[in-house]
Amino acid sequence: MPVSTRYADTTPEAMEVFLELQRKMTAGEKLRVTFDLCHMVLELAASGVRQRHPQAGEREVFLRTAALHLPRDLMLRAYGWHPSLGTLP
């Protein structure tokens, strides 16, 4: 099986092991891994917000993290706030 150039830093043998592990996972296991990765991405984003805004409380960190992932109009409809507005609701 040819290895995609997306994984040029991975040996064909290592890629085959990875793919075999993926094939053996149940749909539920794959979904759990997906949710775990999504959670990790959000935690990393929140960590970055905390570094950039050390004075921010948890609500502000939540809103600023959400604003990184949502379009401005949806942030305004859902939370009534966007970082470009300045003060928090």
PDB file of N, CA and C in Angstrom:
ATOM      1  N   MET A   1       0.836  -1.183   0.000  1.00  0.00           N
ATOM      2  CA  MET A   1       0.000   0.000   0.000  1.00  0.00           C
ATOM      3  C   MET A   1       0.878   1.242   0.000  1.00  0.00           C
ATOM      4  N   PRO A   2       0.676   2.171  -0.940  1.00  0.00           N
ATOM      5  CA  PRO A   2       1.498   3.375  -0.992  1.00  0.00           C
ATOM      6  C   PRO A   2       1.178   4.296   0.188  1.00  0.00           C
ATOM      7  N   VAL A   3       2.200   4.929   0.698  1.00  0.00           N
ATOM      8  CA  VAL A   3       2.037   5.856   1.806  1.00  0.00           C
ATOM      9  C   VAL A   3       1.831   7.255   1.239  1.00  0.00           C
ATOM     10  N   SER A   4       0.828   7.939   1.766  1.00  0.00           N
ATOM     11  CA  SER A   4       0.536   9.293   1.328  1.00  0.00           C
ATOM     12  C   SER A   4       1.706  10.219   1.629  1.00  0.00           C
ATOM     13  N   THR A   5       1.894  11.240   0.801  1.00  0.00           N
ATOM     14  CA  THR A   5       2.950  12.212   1.055  1.00  0.00           C
ATOM     15  C   THR A   5       2.622  13.066   2.278  1.00  0.00           C
ATOM     16  N   ARG A   6       1.388  13.036   2.750  1.00  0.00           N
ATOM     17  CA  ARG A   6       1.048  13.757   3.970  1.00  0.00           C
ATOM     18  C   ARG A   6       1.840  13.219   5.148  1.00  0.00           C
ATOM     19  N   TYR A   7       2.260  11.979   5.053  1.00  0.00           N
ATOM     20  CA  TYR A   7       2.989  11.337   6.138  1.00  0.00           C
ATOM     21  C   TYR A   7       4.429  11.041   5.711  1.00  0.00           C
ATOM     22  N   ALA A   8       5.037  11.984   5.045  1.00  0.00           N
ATOM     23  CA  ALA A   8       6.392  11.783   4.532  1.00  0.00           C
ATOM     24  C   ALA A   8       7.410  11.567   5.646  1.00  0.00           C
ATOM     25  N   ASP A   9       7.075  11.987   6.864  1.00  0.00           N
ATOM     26  CA  ASP A   9       8.011  11.810   7.973  1.00  0.00           C
ATOM     27  C   ASP A   9       7.798  10.479   8.701  1.00  0.00           C
ATOM     28  N   THR A  10       6.919   9.630   8.159  1.00  0.00           N
ATOM     29  CA  THR A  10       6.595   8.344   8.784  1.00  0.00           C
ATOM     30  C   THR A  10       7.026   7.209   7.863  1.00  0.00           C
ATOM     31  N   THR A  11       7.703   6.224   8.433  1.00  0.00           N
ATOM     32  CA  THR A  11       8.117   5.084   7.613  1.00  0.00           C
ATOM     33  C   THR A  11       6.896   4.284   7.183  1.00  0.00           C
ATOM     34  N   PRO A  12       6.959   3.604   6.061  1.00  0.00           N
ATOM     35  CA  PRO A  12       5.834   2.780   5.623  1.00  0.00           C
ATOM     36  C   PRO A  12       5.441   1.734   6.667  1.00  0.00           C
ATOM     37  N   GLU A  13       6.432   1.188   7.371  1.00  0.00           N
ATOM     38  CA  GLU A  13       6.127   0.179   8.390  1.00  0.00           C
ATOM     39  C   GLU A  13       5.336   0.795   9.545  1.00  0.00           C
ATOM     40  N   ALA A  14       5.768   1.958   9.997  1.00  0.00           N
ATOM     41  CA  ALA A  14       5.064   2.638  11.092  1.00  0.00           C
ATOM     42  C   ALA A  14       3.660   3.024  10.655  1.00  0.00           C
ATOM     43  N   MET A  15       3.511   3.466   9.410  1.00  0.00           N
ATOM     44  CA  MET A  15       2.187   3.831   8.904  1.00  0.00           C
ATOM     45  C   MET A  15       1.278   2.610   8.865  1.00  0.00           C
ATOM     46  N   GLU A  16       1.803   1.483   8.476  1.00  0.00           N
ATOM     47  CA  GLU A  16       0.999   0.260   8.423  1.00  0.00           C
ATOM     48  C   GLU A  16       0.537  -0.142   9.825  1.00  0.00           C
ATOM     49  N   VAL A  17       1.408  -0.016  10.811  1.00  0.00           N
ATOM     50  CA  VAL A  17       1.019  -0.308  12.195  1.00  0.00           C
ATOM     51  C   VAL A  17      -0.097   0.637  12.625  1.00  0.00           C
ATOM     52  N   PHE A  18       0.073   1.927  12.351  1.00  0.00           N
ATOM     53  CA  PHE A  18      -0.947   2.915  12.691  1.00  0.00           C
ATOM     54  C   PHE A  18      -2.280   2.581  12.033  1.00  0.00           C
ATOM     55  N   LEU A  19      -2.251   2.288  10.741  1.00  0.00           N
ATOM     56  CA  LEU A  19      -3.493   1.984  10.022  1.00  0.00           C
ATOM     57  C   LEU A  19      -4.142   0.709  10.550  1.00  0.00           C
ATOM     58  N   GLU A  20      -3.353  -0.271  10.897  1.00  0.00           N
ATOM     59  CA  GLU A  20      -3.909  -1.514  11.444  1.00  0.00           C
ATOM     60  C   GLU A  20      -4.594  -1.253  12.787  1.00  0.00           C
ATOM     61  N   LEU A  21      -3.974  -0.425  13.602  1.00  0.00           N
ATOM     62  CA  LEU A  21      -4.610  -0.059  14.873  1.00  0.00           C
ATOM     63  C   LEU A  21      -5.935   0.665  14.634  1.00  0.00           C
ATOM     64  N   GLN A  22      -5.954   1.535  13.635  1.00  0.00           N
ATOM     65  CA  GLN A  22      -7.186   2.243  13.292  1.00  0.00           C
ATOM     66  C   GLN A  22      -8.271   1.270  12.827  1.00  0.00           C
ATOM     67  N   ARG A  23      -7.892   0.314  12.015  1.00  0.00           N
ATOM     68  CA  ARG A  23      -8.853  -0.663  11.499  1.00  0.00           C
ATOM     69  C   ARG A  23      -9.469  -1.497  12.619  1.00  0.00           C
ATOM     70  N   LYS A  24      -8.695  -1.769  13.656  1.00  0.00           N
ATOM     71  CA  LYS A  24      -9.166  -2.618  14.746  1.00  0.00           C
ATOM     72  C   LYS A  24     -10.076  -1.889  15.732  1.00  0.00           C
ATOM     73  N   MET A  25     -10.074  -0.567  15.687  1.00  0.00           N
ATOM     74  CA  MET A  25     -10.889   0.203  16.619  1.00  0.00           C
ATOM     75  C   MET A  25     -12.364   0.117  16.233  1.00  0.00           C
ATOM     76  N   THR A  26     -13.212   0.028  17.251  1.00  0.00           N
ATOM     77  CA  THR A  26     -14.651   0.070  16.998  1.00  0.00           C
ATOM     78  C   THR A  26     -15.043   1.513  16.677  1.00  0.00           C
ATOM     79  N   ALA A  27     -16.251   1.669  16.168  1.00  0.00           N
ATOM     80  CA  ALA A  27     -16.742   3.017  15.877  1.00  0.00           C
ATOM     81  C   ALA A  27     -16.784   3.850  17.157  1.00  0.00           C
ATOM     82  N   GLY A  28     -17.181   3.247  18.256  1.00  0.00           N
ATOM     83  CA  GLY A  28     -17.236   3.956  19.535  1.00  0.00           C
ATOM     84  C   GLY A  28     -15.868   4.407  19.995  1.00  0.00           C
ATOM     85  N   GLU A  29     -14.865   3.573  19.808  1.00  0.00           N
ATOM     86  CA  GLU A  29     -13.498   3.943  20.178  1.00  0.00           C
ATOM     87  C   GLU A  29     -12.998   5.100  19.324  1.00  0.00           C
ATOM     88  N   LYS A  30     -13.296   5.042  18.030  1.00  0.00           N
ATOM     89  CA  LYS A  30     -12.888   6.130  17.137  1.00  0.00           C
ATOM     90  C   LYS A  30     -13.569   7.437  17.527  1.00  0.00           C
ATOM     91  N   LEU A  31     -14.834   7.341  17.898  1.00  0.00           N
ATOM     92  CA  LEU A  31     -15.572   8.533  18.311  1.00  0.00           C
ATOM     93  C   LEU A  31     -14.993   9.102  19.608  1.00  0.00           C
ATOM     94  N   ARG A  32     -14.648   8.227  20.566  1.00  0.00           N
ATOM     95  CA  ARG A  32     -14.045   8.669  21.819  1.00  0.00           C
ATOM     96  C   ARG A  32     -12.728   9.389  21.553  1.00  0.00           C
ATOM     97  N   VAL A  33     -11.898   8.828  20.679  1.00  0.00           N
ATOM     98  CA  VAL A  33     -10.622   9.460  20.339  1.00  0.00           C
ATOM     99  C   VAL A  33     -10.871  10.832  19.707  1.00  0.00           C
ATOM    100  N   THR A  34     -11.857  10.922  18.837  1.00  0.00           N
ATOM    101  CA  THR A  34     -12.199  12.192  18.197  1.00  0.00           C
ATOM    102  C   THR A  34     -12.610  13.228  19.235  1.00  0.00           C
ATOM    103  N   PHE A  35     -13.489  12.839  20.167  1.00  0.00           N
ATOM    104  CA  PHE A  35     -13.925  13.765  21.215  1.00  0.00           C
ATOM    105  C   PHE A  35     -12.754  14.166  22.121  1.00  0.00           C
ATOM    106  N   ASP A  36     -11.888  13.211  22.431  1.00  0.00           N
ATOM    107  CA  ASP A  36     -10.711  13.525  23.251  1.00  0.00           C
ATOM    108  C   ASP A  36      -9.820  14.542  22.559  1.00  0.00           C
ATOM    109  N   LEU A  37      -9.624  14.385  21.253  1.00  0.00           N
ATOM    110  CA  LEU A  37      -8.800  15.339  20.505  1.00  0.00           C
ATOM    111  C   LEU A  37      -9.455  16.716  20.451  1.00  0.00           C
ATOM    112  N   CYS A  38     -10.766  16.750  20.267  1.00  0.00           N
ATOM    113  CA  CYS A  38     -11.485  18.034  20.258  1.00  0.00           C
ATOM    114  C   CYS A  38     -11.342  18.726  21.604  1.00  0.00           C
ATOM    115  N   HIS A  39     -11.479  17.957  22.688  1.00  0.00           N
ATOM    116  CA  HIS A  39     -11.328  18.512  24.034  1.00  0.00           C
ATOM    117  C   HIS A  39      -9.924  19.082  24.205  1.00  0.00           C
ATOM    118  N   MET A  40      -8.929  18.361  23.729  1.00  0.00           N
ATOM    119  CA  MET A  40      -7.543  18.813  23.842  1.00  0.00           C
ATOM    120  C   MET A  40      -7.336  20.134  23.085  1.00  0.00           C
ATOM    121  N   VAL A  41      -7.902  20.232  21.897  1.00  0.00           N
ATOM    122  CA  VAL A  41      -7.767  21.465  21.103  1.00  0.00           C
ATOM    123  C   VAL A  41      -8.385  22.642  21.848  1.00  0.00           C
ATOM    124  N   LEU A  42      -9.565  22.439  22.442  1.00  0.00           N
ATOM    125  CA  LEU A  42     -10.214  23.519  23.188  1.00  0.00           C
ATOM    126  C   LEU A  42      -9.411  23.894  24.433  1.00  0.00           C
ATOM    127  N   GLU A  43      -8.854  22.911  25.112  1.00  0.00           N
ATOM    128  CA  GLU A  43      -8.030  23.199  26.285  1.00  0.00           C
ATOM    129  C   GLU A  43      -6.765  23.969  25.905  1.00  0.00           C
ATOM    130  N   LEU A  44      -6.154  23.602  24.789  1.00  0.00           N
ATOM    131  CA  LEU A  44      -4.976  24.330  24.320  1.00  0.00           C
ATOM    132  C   LEU A  44      -5.324  25.765  23.948  1.00  0.00           C
ATOM    133  N   ALA A  45      -6.464  25.946  23.305  1.00  0.00           N
ATOM    134  CA  ALA A  45      -6.910  27.298  22.943  1.00  0.00           C
ATOM    135  C   ALA A  45      -7.163  28.119  24.200  1.00  0.00           C
ATOM    136  N   ALA A  46      -7.821  27.527  25.197  1.00  0.00           N
ATOM    137  CA  ALA A  46      -8.093  28.230  26.452  1.00  0.00           C
ATOM    138  C   ALA A  46      -6.789  28.581  27.163  1.00  0.00           C
ATOM    139  N   SER A  47      -5.823  27.699  27.103  1.00  0.00           N
ATOM    140  CA  SER A  47      -4.521  27.968  27.700  1.00  0.00           C
ATOM    141  C   SER A  47      -3.870  29.179  27.043  1.00  0.00           C
ATOM    142  N   GLY A  48      -3.966  29.262  25.723  1.00  0.00           N
ATOM    143  CA  GLY A  48      -3.434  30.419  25.008  1.00  0.00           C
ATOM    144  C   GLY A  48      -4.145  31.699  25.397  1.00  0.00           C
ATOM    145  N   VAL A  49      -5.463  31.618  25.570  1.00  0.00           N
ATOM    146  CA  VAL A  49      -6.229  32.796  26.009  1.00  0.00           C
ATOM    147  C   VAL A  49      -5.755  33.228  27.388  1.00  0.00           C
ATOM    148  N   ARG A  50      -5.553  32.262  28.289  1.00  0.00           N
ATOM    149  CA  ARG A  50      -5.088  32.596  29.648  1.00  0.00           C
ATOM    150  C   ARG A  50      -3.707  33.262  29.612  1.00  0.00           C
ATOM    151  N   GLN A  51      -2.843  32.820  28.708  1.00  0.00           N
ATOM    152  CA  GLN A  51      -1.517  33.440  28.606  1.00  0.00           C
ATOM    153  C   GLN A  51      -1.611  34.871  28.084  1.00  0.00           C
ATOM    154  N   ARG A  52      -2.492  35.087  27.113  1.00  0.00           N
ATOM    155  CA  ARG A  52      -2.633  36.424  26.529  1.00  0.00           C
ATOM    156  C   ARG A  52      -3.427  37.379  27.424  1.00  0.00           C
ATOM    157  N   HIS A  53      -4.289  36.809  28.282  1.00  0.00           N
ATOM    158  CA  HIS A  53      -5.159  37.620  29.146  1.00  0.00           C
ATOM    159  C   HIS A  53      -5.099  37.067  30.571  1.00  0.00           C
ATOM    160  N   PRO A  54      -3.970  37.252  31.257  1.00  0.00           N
ATOM    161  CA  PRO A  54      -3.800  36.642  32.579  1.00  0.00           C
ATOM    162  C   PRO A  54      -4.803  37.140  33.621  1.00  0.00           C
ATOM    163  N   GLN A  55      -5.386  38.304  33.404  1.00  0.00           N
ATOM    164  CA  GLN A  55      -6.354  38.856  34.346  1.00  0.00           C
ATOM    165  C   GLN A  55      -7.763  38.314  34.111  1.00  0.00           C
ATOM    166  N   ALA A  56      -7.972  37.564  33.048  1.00  0.00           N
ATOM    167  CA  ALA A  56      -9.309  37.095  32.676  1.00  0.00           C
ATOM    168  C   ALA A  56      -9.830  36.043  33.642  1.00  0.00           C
ATOM    169  N   GLY A  57     -11.110  36.174  33.981  1.00  0.00           N
ATOM    170  CA  GLY A  57     -11.787  35.155  34.771  1.00  0.00           C
ATOM    171  C   GLY A  57     -12.197  33.998  33.868  1.00  0.00           C
ATOM    172  N   GLU A  58     -12.758  32.961  34.463  1.00  0.00           N
ATOM    173  CA  GLU A  58     -13.124  31.773  33.677  1.00  0.00           C
ATOM    174  C   GLU A  58     -14.186  32.078  32.617  1.00  0.00           C
ATOM    175  N   ARG A  59     -15.139  32.958  32.920  1.00  0.00           N
ATOM    176  CA  ARG A  59     -16.166  33.299  31.925  1.00  0.00           C
ATOM    177  C   ARG A  59     -15.535  33.988  30.723  1.00  0.00           C
ATOM    178  N   GLU A  60     -14.627  34.912  30.983  1.00  0.00           N
ATOM    179  CA  GLU A  60     -13.959  35.599  29.876  1.00  0.00           C
ATOM    180  C   GLU A  60     -13.107  34.632  29.070  1.00  0.00           C
ATOM    181  N   VAL A  61     -12.416  33.725  29.748  1.00  0.00           N
ATOM    182  CA  VAL A  61     -11.613  32.724  29.038  1.00  0.00           C
ATOM    183  C   VAL A  61     -12.527  31.888  28.151  1.00  0.00           C
ATOM    184  N   PHE A  62     -13.672  31.471  28.683  1.00  0.00           N
ATOM    185  CA  PHE A  62     -14.634  30.699  27.889  1.00  0.00           C
ATOM    186  C   PHE A  62     -15.073  31.480  26.654  1.00  0.00           C
ATOM    187  N   LEU A  63     -15.460  32.740  26.853  1.00  0.00           N
ATOM    188  CA  LEU A  63     -15.950  33.547  25.730  1.00  0.00           C
ATOM    189  C   LEU A  63     -14.864  33.797  24.691  1.00  0.00           C
ATOM    190  N   ARG A  64     -13.673  34.115  25.151  1.00  0.00           N
ATOM    191  CA  ARG A  64     -12.586  34.366  24.198  1.00  0.00           C
ATOM    192  C   ARG A  64     -12.195  33.092  23.448  1.00  0.00           C
ATOM    193  N   THR A  65     -12.246  31.956  24.129  1.00  0.00           N
ATOM    194  CA  THR A  65     -11.965  30.682  23.464  1.00  0.00           C
ATOM    195  C   THR A  65     -13.047  30.386  22.432  1.00  0.00           C
ATOM    196  N   ALA A  66     -14.293  30.599  22.801  1.00  0.00           N
ATOM    197  CA  ALA A  66     -15.389  30.381  21.857  1.00  0.00           C
ATOM    198  C   ALA A  66     -15.231  31.283  20.638  1.00  0.00           C
ATOM    199  N   ALA A  67     -14.810  32.525  20.875  1.00  0.00           N
ATOM    200  CA  ALA A  67     -14.652  33.482  19.774  1.00  0.00           C
ATOM    201  C   ALA A  67     -13.569  33.065  18.794  1.00  0.00           C
ATOM    202  N   LEU A  68     -12.633  32.243  19.249  1.00  0.00           N
ATOM    203  CA  LEU A  68     -11.603  31.740  18.336  1.00  0.00           C
ATOM    204  C   LEU A  68     -12.175  30.731  17.344  1.00  0.00           C
ATOM    205  N   HIS A  69     -13.299  30.130  17.701  1.00  0.00           N
ATOM    206  CA  HIS A  69     -13.848  29.035  16.902  1.00  0.00           C
ATOM    207  C   HIS A  69     -15.172  29.366  16.218  1.00  0.00           C
ATOM    208  N   LEU A  70     -15.789  30.469  16.604  1.00  0.00           N
ATOM    209  CA  LEU A  70     -17.093  30.822  16.046  1.00  0.00           C
ATOM    210  C   LEU A  70     -17.007  32.119  15.261  1.00  0.00           C
ATOM    211  N   PRO A  71     -17.804  32.234  14.205  1.00  0.00           N
ATOM    212  CA  PRO A  71     -17.835  33.505  13.476  1.00  0.00           C
ATOM    213  C   PRO A  71     -18.422  34.613  14.363  1.00  0.00           C
ATOM    214  N   ARG A  72     -18.045  35.845  14.069  1.00  0.00           N
ATOM    215  CA  ARG A  72     -18.454  37.000  14.879  1.00  0.00           C
ATOM    216  C   ARG A  72     -19.973  37.063  15.043  1.00  0.00           C
ATOM    217  N   ASP A  73     -20.723  36.904  13.958  1.00  0.00           N
ATOM    218  CA  ASP A  73     -22.178  37.032  14.059  1.00  0.00           C
ATOM    219  C   ASP A  73     -22.786  35.951  14.967  1.00  0.00           C
ATOM    220  N   LEU A  74     -22.244  34.756  14.946  1.00  0.00           N
ATOM    221  CA  LEU A  74     -22.751  33.696  15.813  1.00  0.00           C
ATOM    222  C   LEU A  74     -22.377  33.976  17.271  1.00  0.00           C
ATOM    223  N   MET A  75     -21.171  34.479  17.523  1.00  0.00           N
ATOM    224  CA  MET A  75     -20.793  34.855  18.890  1.00  0.00           C
ATOM    225  C   MET A  75     -21.750  35.905  19.440  1.00  0.00           C
ATOM    226  N   LEU A  76     -22.078  36.876  18.622  1.00  0.00           N
ATOM    227  CA  LEU A  76     -22.977  37.941  19.073  1.00  0.00           C
ATOM    228  C   LEU A  76     -24.381  37.405  19.334  1.00  0.00           C
ATOM    229  N   ARG A  77     -24.871  36.527  18.468  1.00  0.00           N
ATOM    230  CA  ARG A  77     -26.214  35.949  18.689  1.00  0.00           C
ATOM    231  C   ARG A  77     -26.244  35.029  19.891  1.00  0.00           C
ATOM    232  N   ALA A  78     -25.217  34.206  20.039  1.00  0.00           N
ATOM    233  CA  ALA A  78     -25.217  33.197  21.100  1.00  0.00           C
ATOM    234  C   ALA A  78     -24.874  33.781  22.467  1.00  0.00           C
ATOM    235  N   TYR A  79     -23.897  34.685  22.508  1.00  0.00           N
ATOM    236  CA  TYR A  79     -23.388  35.172  23.790  1.00  0.00           C
ATOM    237  C   TYR A  79     -23.529  36.680  23.984  1.00  0.00           C
ATOM    238  N   GLY A  80     -23.942  37.386  22.928  1.00  0.00           N
ATOM    239  CA  GLY A  80     -24.084  38.832  23.044  1.00  0.00           C
ATOM    240  C   GLY A  80     -22.762  39.551  23.245  1.00  0.00           C
ATOM    241  N   TRP A  81     -21.678  38.919  22.802  1.00  0.00           N
ATOM    242  CA  TRP A  81     -20.356  39.495  23.016  1.00  0.00           C
ATOM    243  C   TRP A  81     -19.382  38.985  21.967  1.00  0.00           C
ATOM    244  N   HIS A  82     -18.403  39.830  21.684  1.00  0.00           N
ATOM    245  CA  HIS A  82     -17.293  39.452  20.814  1.00  0.00           C
ATOM    246  C   HIS A  82     -16.086  40.262  21.291  1.00  0.00           C
ATOM    247  N   PRO A  83     -14.868  39.701  21.212  1.00  0.00           N
ATOM    248  CA  PRO A  83     -13.690  40.440  21.691  1.00  0.00           C
ATOM    249  C   PRO A  83     -13.549  41.840  21.095  1.00  0.00           C
ATOM    250  N   SER A  84     -14.032  42.040  19.887  1.00  0.00           N
ATOM    251  CA  SER A  84     -13.908  43.354  19.254  1.00  0.00           C
ATOM    252  C   SER A  84     -14.774  44.415  19.955  1.00  0.00           C
ATOM    253  N   LEU A  85     -15.744  43.963  20.788  1.00  0.00           N
ATOM    254  CA  LEU A  85     -16.604  44.905  21.494  1.00  0.00           C
ATOM    255  C   LEU A  85     -15.939  45.463  22.741  1.00  0.00           C
ATOM    256  N   GLY A  86     -14.928  44.795  23.224  1.00  0.00           N
ATOM    257  CA  GLY A  86     -14.230  45.287  24.410  1.00  0.00           C
ATOM    258  C   GLY A  86     -14.801  44.721  25.695  1.00  0.00           C
ATOM    259  N   THR A  87     -15.667  45.457  26.347  1.00  0.00           N
ATOM    260  CA  THR A  87     -16.158  45.054  27.667  1.00  0.00           C
ATOM    261  C   THR A  87     -17.036  43.807  27.590  1.00  0.00           C
ATOM    262  N   LEU A  88     -16.995  43.025  28.645  1.00  0.00           N
ATOM    263  CA  LEU A  88     -17.779  41.797  28.716  1.00  0.00           C
ATOM    264  C   LEU A  88     -19.219  42.093  29.106  1.00  0.00           C
ATOM    265  N   PRO A  89     -20.142  41.214  28.723  1.00  0.00           N
ATOM    266  CA  PRO A  89     -21.554  41.425  29.089  1.00  0.00           C
ATOM    267  C   PRO A  89     -21.771  41.311  30.588  1.00  0.00           C
TER     268      PRO A  89
END
